[in-house]
Amino acid sequence: MYNILKGTFLVSDGAFKNWRLIFFFLALAILMIASSHTTDRKVHNIARLNEQVKELRSSYVETRALLMEFKMESVIKKRLASKGIKSSVNPPFKIIIKSKSN
């Protein structure tokens, strides 16, 4: 234990094996930290995108309700009444044109 605290295992004759093991563990630690940061970044991105989806869905529902209101016949009649356009009293009829060549 004393040799580990002094660090003599790093400079002794068989230290090359120790250095390789230390570098291997260091590389694994760096890889694990990088992977953790990447995962955290993706989780935050997913949460942000979910919030945007909720906002867009709310906007869609609001716009669809407004469109349904504008498509109502009573609303159209009120808006066109200010321009002097009234609905027809007589129902529409079909015009049939017969061609002369048979």
N, C-alpha and C. Protein backbone atom coordinates (compact mmCIF):
# COMPACT_ATOMS: atom_id res chain seq x y z
N MET A 1 0.82 -1.18 0.00
CA MET A 1 0.00 0.00 0.00
C MET A 1 0.88 1.26 0.00
N TYR A 2 1.99 1.18 0.74
CA TYR A 2 2.91 2.30 0.84
C TYR A 2 3.52 2.61 -0.54
N ASN A 3 3.84 1.55 -1.31
CA ASN A 3 4.41 1.75 -2.65
C ASN A 3 3.41 2.41 -3.58
N ILE A 4 2.16 2.09 -3.43
CA ILE A 4 1.12 2.70 -4.27
C ILE A 4 1.01 4.18 -3.94
N LEU A 5 1.02 4.52 -2.65
CA LEU A 5 0.94 5.92 -2.26
C LEU A 5 2.17 6.72 -2.69
N LYS A 6 3.34 6.13 -2.64
CA LYS A 6 4.56 6.81 -3.08
C LYS A 6 4.65 6.88 -4.60
N GLY A 7 4.01 5.94 -5.28
CA GLY A 7 4.06 5.92 -6.74
C GLY A 7 5.24 5.18 -7.29
N THR A 8 5.89 4.36 -6.49
CA THR A 8 7.06 3.63 -6.98
C THR A 8 6.69 2.53 -7.96
N PHE A 9 5.45 2.13 -7.97
CA PHE A 9 5.04 1.09 -8.93
C PHE A 9 5.05 1.63 -10.36
N LEU A 10 5.09 2.95 -10.51
CA LEU A 10 5.11 3.55 -11.85
C LEU A 10 6.52 3.68 -12.41
N VAL A 11 7.52 3.66 -11.57
CA VAL A 11 8.89 3.85 -12.03
C VAL A 11 9.77 2.63 -11.82
N SER A 12 9.22 1.55 -11.34
CA SER A 12 10.00 0.33 -11.11
C SER A 12 10.26 -0.38 -12.43
N ASP A 13 10.95 -1.52 -12.38
CA ASP A 13 11.35 -2.25 -13.58
C ASP A 13 10.15 -2.77 -14.38
N GLY A 14 9.12 -3.26 -13.74
CA GLY A 14 7.95 -3.78 -14.45
C GLY A 14 6.85 -2.74 -14.60
N ALA A 15 7.24 -1.46 -14.64
CA ALA A 15 6.26 -0.37 -14.68
C ALA A 15 5.54 -0.27 -16.02
N PHE A 16 6.12 -0.82 -17.09
CA PHE A 16 5.50 -0.71 -18.41
C PHE A 16 4.12 -1.35 -18.42
N LYS A 17 3.99 -2.50 -17.75
CA LYS A 17 2.68 -3.16 -17.65
C LYS A 17 1.69 -2.27 -16.90
N ASN A 18 2.15 -1.62 -15.86
CA ASN A 18 1.28 -0.74 -15.09
C ASN A 18 0.82 0.46 -15.91
N TRP A 19 1.75 1.04 -16.67
CA TRP A 19 1.39 2.20 -17.50
C TRP A 19 0.37 1.82 -18.55
N ARG A 20 0.53 0.66 -19.17
CA ARG A 20 -0.44 0.22 -20.17
C ARG A 20 -1.82 0.07 -19.55
N LEU A 21 -1.88 -0.51 -18.36
CA LEU A 21 -3.15 -0.70 -17.67
C LEU A 21 -3.77 0.65 -17.28
N ILE A 22 -2.93 1.56 -16.82
CA ILE A 22 -3.42 2.90 -16.45
C ILE A 22 -3.97 3.62 -17.67
N PHE A 23 -3.25 3.57 -18.79
CA PHE A 23 -3.73 4.21 -20.02
C PHE A 23 -5.02 3.57 -20.52
N PHE A 24 -5.13 2.28 -20.39
CA PHE A 24 -6.35 1.58 -20.79
C PHE A 24 -7.54 2.05 -19.95
N PHE A 25 -7.36 2.12 -18.62
CA PHE A 25 -8.44 2.60 -17.74
C PHE A 25 -8.76 4.07 -17.99
N LEU A 26 -7.73 4.85 -18.28
CA LEU A 26 -7.94 6.25 -18.60
C LEU A 26 -8.76 6.41 -19.88
N ALA A 27 -8.43 5.63 -20.90
CA ALA A 27 -9.19 5.68 -22.16
C ALA A 27 -10.64 5.24 -21.93
N LEU A 28 -10.84 4.20 -21.13
CA LEU A 28 -12.21 3.77 -20.82
C LEU A 28 -12.99 4.86 -20.07
N ALA A 29 -12.33 5.52 -19.14
CA ALA A 29 -13.00 6.59 -18.39
C ALA A 29 -13.38 7.75 -19.30
N ILE A 30 -12.48 8.14 -20.20
CA ILE A 30 -12.78 9.22 -21.14
C ILE A 30 -13.93 8.83 -22.05
N LEU A 31 -13.92 7.60 -22.52
CA LEU A 31 -15.00 7.11 -23.38
C LEU A 31 -16.34 7.12 -22.63
N MET A 32 -16.33 6.71 -21.38
CA MET A 32 -17.55 6.68 -20.58
C MET A 32 -18.09 8.09 -20.34
N ILE A 33 -17.21 9.03 -20.04
CA ILE A 33 -17.62 10.42 -19.81
C ILE A 33 -18.19 11.02 -21.09
N ALA A 34 -17.53 10.79 -22.21
CA ALA A 34 -18.02 11.32 -23.49
C ALA A 34 -19.39 10.73 -23.84
N SER A 35 -19.54 9.45 -23.60
CA SER A 35 -20.83 8.81 -23.87
C SER A 35 -21.92 9.38 -22.97
N SER A 36 -21.61 9.64 -21.74
CA SER A 36 -22.58 10.21 -20.79
C SER A 36 -23.00 11.61 -21.23
N HIS A 37 -22.03 12.42 -21.66
CA HIS A 37 -22.35 13.78 -22.12
C HIS A 37 -23.22 13.73 -23.37
N THR A 38 -22.91 12.84 -24.28
CA THR A 38 -23.70 12.71 -25.50
C THR A 38 -25.13 12.29 -25.18
N THR A 39 -25.28 11.37 -24.26
CA THR A 39 -26.62 10.92 -23.86
C THR A 39 -27.39 12.05 -23.21
N ASP A 40 -26.76 12.80 -22.33
CA ASP A 40 -27.43 13.93 -21.68
C ASP A 40 -27.87 14.97 -22.70
N ARG A 41 -27.03 15.24 -23.68
CA ARG A 41 -27.36 16.20 -24.72
C ARG A 41 -28.59 15.74 -25.51
N LYS A 42 -28.64 14.45 -25.81
CA LYS A 42 -29.78 13.91 -26.56
C LYS A 42 -31.06 13.96 -25.73
N VAL A 43 -30.96 13.69 -24.44
CA VAL A 43 -32.14 13.74 -23.57
C VAL A 43 -32.68 15.16 -23.51
N HIS A 44 -31.81 16.15 -23.37
CA HIS A 44 -32.26 17.54 -23.34
C HIS A 44 -32.87 17.95 -24.68
N ASN A 45 -32.28 17.48 -25.76
CA ASN A 45 -32.82 17.79 -27.09
C ASN A 45 -34.21 17.18 -27.26
N ILE A 46 -34.40 15.95 -26.81
CA ILE A 46 -35.71 15.29 -26.91
C ILE A 46 -36.74 16.05 -26.08
N ALA A 47 -36.37 16.49 -24.89
CA ALA A 47 -37.31 17.25 -24.04
C ALA A 47 -37.69 18.57 -24.71
N ARG A 48 -36.72 19.24 -25.32
CA ARG A 48 -37.01 20.50 -26.01
C ARG A 48 -37.93 20.27 -27.20
N LEU A 49 -37.68 19.20 -27.95
CA LEU A 49 -38.53 18.89 -29.11
C LEU A 49 -39.94 18.51 -28.68
N ASN A 50 -40.08 17.81 -27.55
CA ASN A 50 -41.42 17.47 -27.05
C ASN A 50 -42.20 18.72 -26.67
N GLU A 51 -41.53 19.70 -26.09
CA GLU A 51 -42.19 20.97 -25.77
C GLU A 51 -42.64 21.68 -27.04
N GLN A 52 -41.81 21.66 -28.08
CA GLN A 52 -42.19 22.28 -29.35
C GLN A 52 -43.38 21.57 -29.97
N VAL A 53 -43.42 20.25 -29.87
CA VAL A 53 -44.55 19.50 -30.41
C VAL A 53 -45.83 19.88 -29.68
N LYS A 54 -45.77 20.02 -28.36
CA LYS A 54 -46.95 20.42 -27.60
C LYS A 54 -47.44 21.80 -28.02
N GLU A 55 -46.51 22.74 -28.19
CA GLU A 55 -46.87 24.09 -28.62
C GLU A 55 -47.48 24.08 -30.02
N LEU A 56 -46.89 23.33 -30.93
CA LEU A 56 -47.41 23.28 -32.29
C LEU A 56 -48.78 22.60 -32.35
N ARG A 57 -48.97 21.56 -31.54
CA ARG A 57 -50.27 20.88 -31.50
C ARG A 57 -51.33 21.83 -30.96
N SER A 58 -51.00 22.61 -29.95
CA SER A 58 -51.93 23.59 -29.40
C SER A 58 -52.28 24.65 -30.44
N SER A 59 -51.28 25.12 -31.14
CA SER A 59 -51.51 26.11 -32.21
C SER A 59 -52.38 25.53 -33.32
N TYR A 60 -52.16 24.27 -33.66
CA TYR A 60 -52.96 23.60 -34.69
C TYR A 60 -54.41 23.52 -34.27
N VAL A 61 -54.67 23.12 -33.03
CA VAL A 61 -56.05 22.98 -32.55
C VAL A 61 -56.74 24.34 -32.54
N GLU A 62 -56.02 25.36 -32.11
CA GLU A 62 -56.60 26.71 -32.08
C GLU A 62 -56.92 27.21 -33.48
N THR A 63 -56.02 26.99 -34.42
CA THR A 63 -56.25 27.43 -35.79
C THR A 63 -57.38 26.65 -36.44
N ARG A 64 -57.47 25.36 -36.17
CA ARG A 64 -58.55 24.55 -36.73
C ARG A 64 -59.90 25.00 -36.20
N ALA A 65 -59.99 25.34 -34.92
CA ALA A 65 -61.25 25.83 -34.35
C ALA A 65 -61.64 27.16 -34.97
N LEU A 66 -60.66 28.03 -35.19
CA LEU A 66 -60.93 29.31 -35.82
C LEU A 66 -61.41 29.12 -37.26
N LEU A 67 -60.81 28.20 -37.97
CA LEU A 67 -61.23 27.92 -39.34
C LEU A 67 -62.65 27.38 -39.39
N MET A 68 -62.97 26.47 -38.46
CA MET A 68 -64.33 25.93 -38.41
C MET A 68 -65.34 27.04 -38.16
N GLU A 69 -64.97 28.00 -37.32
CA GLU A 69 -65.87 29.12 -37.05
C GLU A 69 -66.05 29.97 -38.30
N PHE A 70 -64.98 30.25 -39.04
CA PHE A 70 -65.08 31.06 -40.25
C PHE A 70 -65.84 30.37 -41.37
N LYS A 71 -65.89 29.03 -41.35
CA LYS A 71 -66.59 28.29 -42.40
C LYS A 71 -68.09 28.20 -42.15
N MET A 72 -68.55 28.61 -40.97
CA MET A 72 -69.97 28.52 -40.67
C MET A 72 -70.76 29.50 -41.54
N GLU A 73 -71.93 29.07 -41.98
CA GLU A 73 -72.74 29.87 -42.89
C GLU A 73 -73.17 31.18 -42.25
N SER A 74 -73.51 31.17 -40.98
CA SER A 74 -73.95 32.38 -40.31
C SER A 74 -72.84 33.43 -40.26
N VAL A 75 -71.62 33.01 -40.02
CA VAL A 75 -70.49 33.95 -39.97
C VAL A 75 -70.23 34.53 -41.36
N ILE A 76 -70.32 33.69 -42.38
CA ILE A 76 -70.10 34.16 -43.75
C ILE A 76 -71.17 35.16 -44.14
N LYS A 77 -72.44 34.89 -43.77
CA LYS A 77 -73.53 35.83 -44.07
C LYS A 77 -73.30 37.17 -43.40
N LYS A 78 -72.87 37.17 -42.15
CA LYS A 78 -72.61 38.43 -41.43
C LYS A 78 -71.48 39.21 -42.08
N ARG A 79 -70.44 38.54 -42.50
CA ARG A 79 -69.29 39.24 -43.10
C ARG A 79 -69.63 39.79 -44.48
N LEU A 80 -70.46 39.06 -45.23
CA LEU A 80 -70.81 39.52 -46.57
C LEU A 80 -71.95 40.54 -46.53
N ALA A 81 -72.72 40.61 -45.46
CA ALA A 81 -73.82 41.57 -45.36
C ALA A 81 -73.28 43.00 -45.37
N SER A 82 -72.11 43.22 -44.81
CA SER A 82 -71.53 44.56 -44.81
C SER A 82 -71.14 45.02 -46.21
N LYS A 83 -70.93 44.07 -47.13
CA LYS A 83 -70.58 44.40 -48.51
C LYS A 83 -71.81 44.42 -49.42
N GLY A 84 -72.97 44.18 -48.84
CA GLY A 84 -74.21 44.23 -49.61
C GLY A 84 -74.53 42.93 -50.33
N ILE A 85 -73.91 41.85 -50.01
CA ILE A 85 -74.17 40.56 -50.65
C ILE A 85 -75.10 39.76 -49.75
N LYS A 86 -76.22 39.30 -50.33
CA LYS A 86 -77.20 38.53 -49.57
C LYS A 86 -77.28 37.13 -50.15
N SER A 87 -77.80 36.20 -49.36
CA SER A 87 -77.98 34.85 -49.88
C SER A 87 -79.20 34.82 -50.80
N SER A 88 -79.21 33.93 -51.75
CA SER A 88 -80.27 33.82 -52.74
C SER A 88 -81.53 33.21 -52.12
N VAL A 89 -82.67 33.74 -52.56
CA VAL A 89 -83.96 33.21 -52.10
C VAL A 89 -84.34 31.97 -52.91
N ASN A 90 -84.00 32.00 -54.21
CA ASN A 90 -84.31 30.89 -55.10
C ASN A 90 -83.18 29.86 -55.06
N PRO A 91 -83.53 28.60 -55.04
CA PRO A 91 -82.47 27.58 -55.04
C PRO A 91 -81.77 27.52 -56.41
N PRO A 92 -80.57 27.06 -56.46
CA PRO A 92 -79.86 26.95 -57.74
C PRO A 92 -80.48 25.85 -58.60
N PHE A 93 -80.31 26.00 -59.94
CA PHE A 93 -80.81 24.96 -60.85
C PHE A 93 -79.73 24.62 -61.83
N LYS A 94 -79.86 23.45 -62.41
CA LYS A 94 -78.86 22.92 -63.33
C LYS A 94 -79.17 23.37 -64.75
N ILE A 95 -78.18 23.83 -65.45
CA ILE A 95 -78.31 24.22 -66.85
C ILE A 95 -77.79 23.05 -67.70
N ILE A 96 -78.66 22.54 -68.56
CA ILE A 96 -78.29 21.42 -69.42
C ILE A 96 -78.21 21.92 -70.85
N ILE A 97 -77.08 21.70 -71.49
CA ILE A 97 -76.86 22.11 -72.88
C ILE A 97 -76.80 20.86 -73.72
N LYS A 98 -77.68 20.80 -74.69
CA LYS A 98 -77.69 19.66 -75.61
C LYS A 98 -76.89 20.02 -76.85
N SER A 99 -76.00 19.15 -77.25
CA SER A 99 -75.22 19.43 -78.44
C SER A 99 -76.03 19.12 -79.69
N LYS A 100 -75.77 19.86 -80.77
CA LYS A 100 -76.52 19.68 -82.01
C LYS A 100 -76.06 18.44 -82.77
N SER A 101 -74.81 18.09 -82.63
CA SER A 101 -74.32 16.91 -83.34
C SER A 101 -74.53 15.68 -82.48
N ASN A 102 -75.13 14.66 -83.09
CA ASN A 102 -75.41 13.43 -82.34
C ASN A 102 -74.47 12.35 -82.73
